[in-house]
Amino acid sequence: MISNSEMIRIRRQMQRRIRDVVAERRRARMMEAHHTDLTGESTETDTPLTSTV
């Protein structure tokens, strides 16, 4: 059985990982948009990543 404090620690760790992934995806999209603005090329993918925060 997991103690209450360990459950809180695990939950916070998971939230931190999710936040990191969302931030990384946001940075990647911003860099793609910036690259598109500079070159005029479209770098669309078949499955665009969308996240709702």
N, C-alpha and C. Protein backbone atom coordinates (compact mmCIF):
# COMPACT_ATOMS: atom_id res chain seq x y z
N MET A 1 0.85 -1.19 0.00
CA MET A 1 0.00 0.00 0.00
C MET A 1 0.89 1.25 0.00
N ILE A 2 0.50 2.24 -0.79
CA ILE A 2 1.27 3.47 -0.90
C ILE A 2 0.78 4.46 0.16
N SER A 3 1.72 5.08 0.84
CA SER A 3 1.34 6.07 1.86
C SER A 3 0.83 7.34 1.19
N ASN A 4 0.13 8.14 1.95
CA ASN A 4 -0.44 9.38 1.44
C ASN A 4 0.64 10.32 0.92
N SER A 5 1.72 10.46 1.66
CA SER A 5 2.79 11.37 1.23
C SER A 5 3.47 10.87 -0.04
N GLU A 6 3.60 9.54 -0.18
CA GLU A 6 4.20 9.01 -1.39
C GLU A 6 3.27 9.21 -2.59
N MET A 7 1.97 9.09 -2.37
CA MET A 7 0.99 9.33 -3.43
C MET A 7 1.07 10.78 -3.91
N ILE A 8 1.19 11.71 -2.98
CA ILE A 8 1.31 13.13 -3.33
C ILE A 8 2.59 13.37 -4.12
N ARG A 9 3.69 12.73 -3.68
CA ARG A 9 4.97 12.89 -4.38
C ARG A 9 4.88 12.36 -5.81
N ILE A 10 4.26 11.20 -5.99
CA ILE A 10 4.11 10.62 -7.33
C ILE A 10 3.24 11.50 -8.20
N ARG A 11 2.15 12.01 -7.64
CA ARG A 11 1.25 12.88 -8.41
C ARG A 11 1.97 14.14 -8.86
N ARG A 12 2.74 14.75 -7.97
CA ARG A 12 3.48 15.97 -8.34
C ARG A 12 4.52 15.68 -9.41
N GLN A 13 5.17 14.51 -9.30
CA GLN A 13 6.16 14.13 -10.29
C GLN A 13 5.50 13.96 -11.67
N MET A 14 4.35 13.32 -11.70
CA MET A 14 3.63 13.14 -12.96
C MET A 14 3.20 14.48 -13.54
N GLN A 15 2.70 15.38 -12.70
CA GLN A 15 2.29 16.70 -13.19
C GLN A 15 3.48 17.46 -13.76
N ARG A 16 4.64 17.34 -13.11
CA ARG A 16 5.85 18.01 -13.59
C ARG A 16 6.25 17.47 -14.96
N ARG A 17 6.18 16.14 -15.13
CA ARG A 17 6.53 15.54 -16.42
C ARG A 17 5.58 15.99 -17.52
N ILE A 18 4.28 16.03 -17.20
CA ILE A 18 3.29 16.48 -18.18
C ILE A 18 3.56 17.92 -18.58
N ARG A 19 3.82 18.78 -17.58
CA ARG A 19 4.11 20.18 -17.85
C ARG A 19 5.34 20.32 -18.74
N ASP A 20 6.37 19.50 -18.48
CA ASP A 20 7.59 19.55 -19.29
C ASP A 20 7.32 19.15 -20.74
N VAL A 21 6.52 18.10 -20.93
CA VAL A 21 6.20 17.65 -22.29
C VAL A 21 5.39 18.72 -23.03
N VAL A 22 4.41 19.30 -22.36
CA VAL A 22 3.59 20.35 -22.99
C VAL A 22 4.47 21.54 -23.37
N ALA A 23 5.37 21.93 -22.48
CA ALA A 23 6.27 23.05 -22.78
C ALA A 23 7.19 22.73 -23.96
N GLU A 24 7.69 21.50 -24.01
CA GLU A 24 8.57 21.11 -25.11
C GLU A 24 7.81 21.14 -26.44
N ARG A 25 6.59 20.64 -26.45
CA ARG A 25 5.78 20.67 -27.68
C ARG A 25 5.48 22.10 -28.09
N ARG A 26 5.21 22.96 -27.12
CA ARG A 26 4.93 24.37 -27.42
C ARG A 26 6.16 25.02 -28.05
N ARG A 27 7.35 24.73 -27.47
CA ARG A 27 8.59 25.29 -28.04
C ARG A 27 8.81 24.79 -29.46
N ALA A 28 8.54 23.51 -29.69
CA ALA A 28 8.73 22.94 -31.03
C ALA A 28 7.79 23.61 -32.03
N ARG A 29 6.55 23.84 -31.64
CA ARG A 29 5.60 24.51 -32.54
C ARG A 29 6.04 25.94 -32.82
N MET A 30 6.53 26.63 -31.79
CA MET A 30 6.98 28.01 -32.00
C MET A 30 8.18 28.06 -32.93
N MET A 31 9.10 27.11 -32.77
CA MET A 31 10.27 27.07 -33.64
C MET A 31 9.85 26.74 -35.08
N GLU A 32 8.88 25.84 -35.25
CA GLU A 32 8.37 25.53 -36.59
C GLU A 32 7.75 26.77 -37.22
N ALA A 33 6.94 27.48 -36.46
CA ALA A 33 6.28 28.68 -36.97
C ALA A 33 7.32 29.73 -37.33
N HIS A 34 8.34 29.88 -36.50
CA HIS A 34 9.40 30.85 -36.77
C HIS A 34 10.16 30.46 -38.03
N HIS A 35 10.43 29.17 -38.18
CA HIS A 35 11.13 28.68 -39.37
C HIS A 35 10.28 28.92 -40.62
N THR A 36 8.99 28.68 -40.53
CA THR A 36 8.09 28.90 -41.65
C THR A 36 8.05 30.38 -42.03
N ASP A 37 8.03 31.25 -41.03
CA ASP A 37 8.03 32.68 -41.29
C ASP A 37 9.30 33.12 -42.03
N LEU A 38 10.43 32.54 -41.65
CA LEU A 38 11.69 32.93 -42.26
C LEU A 38 11.85 32.39 -43.67
N THR A 39 11.43 31.15 -43.90
CA THR A 39 11.68 30.52 -45.19
C THR A 39 10.47 30.54 -46.11
N GLY A 40 9.30 30.70 -45.55
CA GLY A 40 8.10 30.67 -46.35
C GLY A 40 7.65 29.27 -46.68
N GLU A 41 8.36 28.28 -46.15
CA GLU A 41 8.01 26.88 -46.41
C GLU A 41 7.05 26.40 -45.33
N SER A 42 6.20 25.48 -45.71
CA SER A 42 5.29 24.87 -44.75
C SER A 42 5.88 23.55 -44.28
N THR A 43 5.90 23.33 -42.98
CA THR A 43 6.42 22.07 -42.42
C THR A 43 5.30 21.33 -41.71
N GLU A 44 4.16 21.16 -42.40
CA GLU A 44 3.01 20.50 -41.81
C GLU A 44 3.27 19.01 -41.69
N THR A 45 2.69 18.40 -40.66
CA THR A 45 2.78 16.96 -40.49
C THR A 45 1.40 16.36 -40.68
N ASP A 46 1.36 15.06 -40.85
CA ASP A 46 0.08 14.39 -41.03
C ASP A 46 -0.80 14.48 -39.78
N THR A 47 -0.18 14.41 -38.62
CA THR A 47 -0.93 14.48 -37.38
C THR A 47 -0.38 15.60 -36.53
N PRO A 48 -0.94 16.80 -36.64
CA PRO A 48 -0.44 17.92 -35.84
C PRO A 48 -0.70 17.69 -34.36
N LEU A 49 0.24 18.12 -33.54
CA LEU A 49 0.10 17.97 -32.09
C LEU A 49 -0.71 19.14 -31.56
N THR A 50 -1.77 18.83 -30.90
CA THR A 50 -2.57 19.87 -30.27
C THR A 50 -2.72 19.53 -28.81
N SER A 51 -2.62 20.53 -27.97
CA SER A 51 -2.82 20.29 -26.54
C SER A 51 -3.69 21.40 -25.98
N THR A 52 -4.49 21.03 -25.05
CA THR A 52 -5.33 22.01 -24.37
C THR A 52 -4.90 22.06 -22.93
N VAL A 53 -4.51 23.22 -22.51
CA VAL A 53 -4.02 23.38 -21.14
C VAL A 53 -4.92 24.34 -20.41
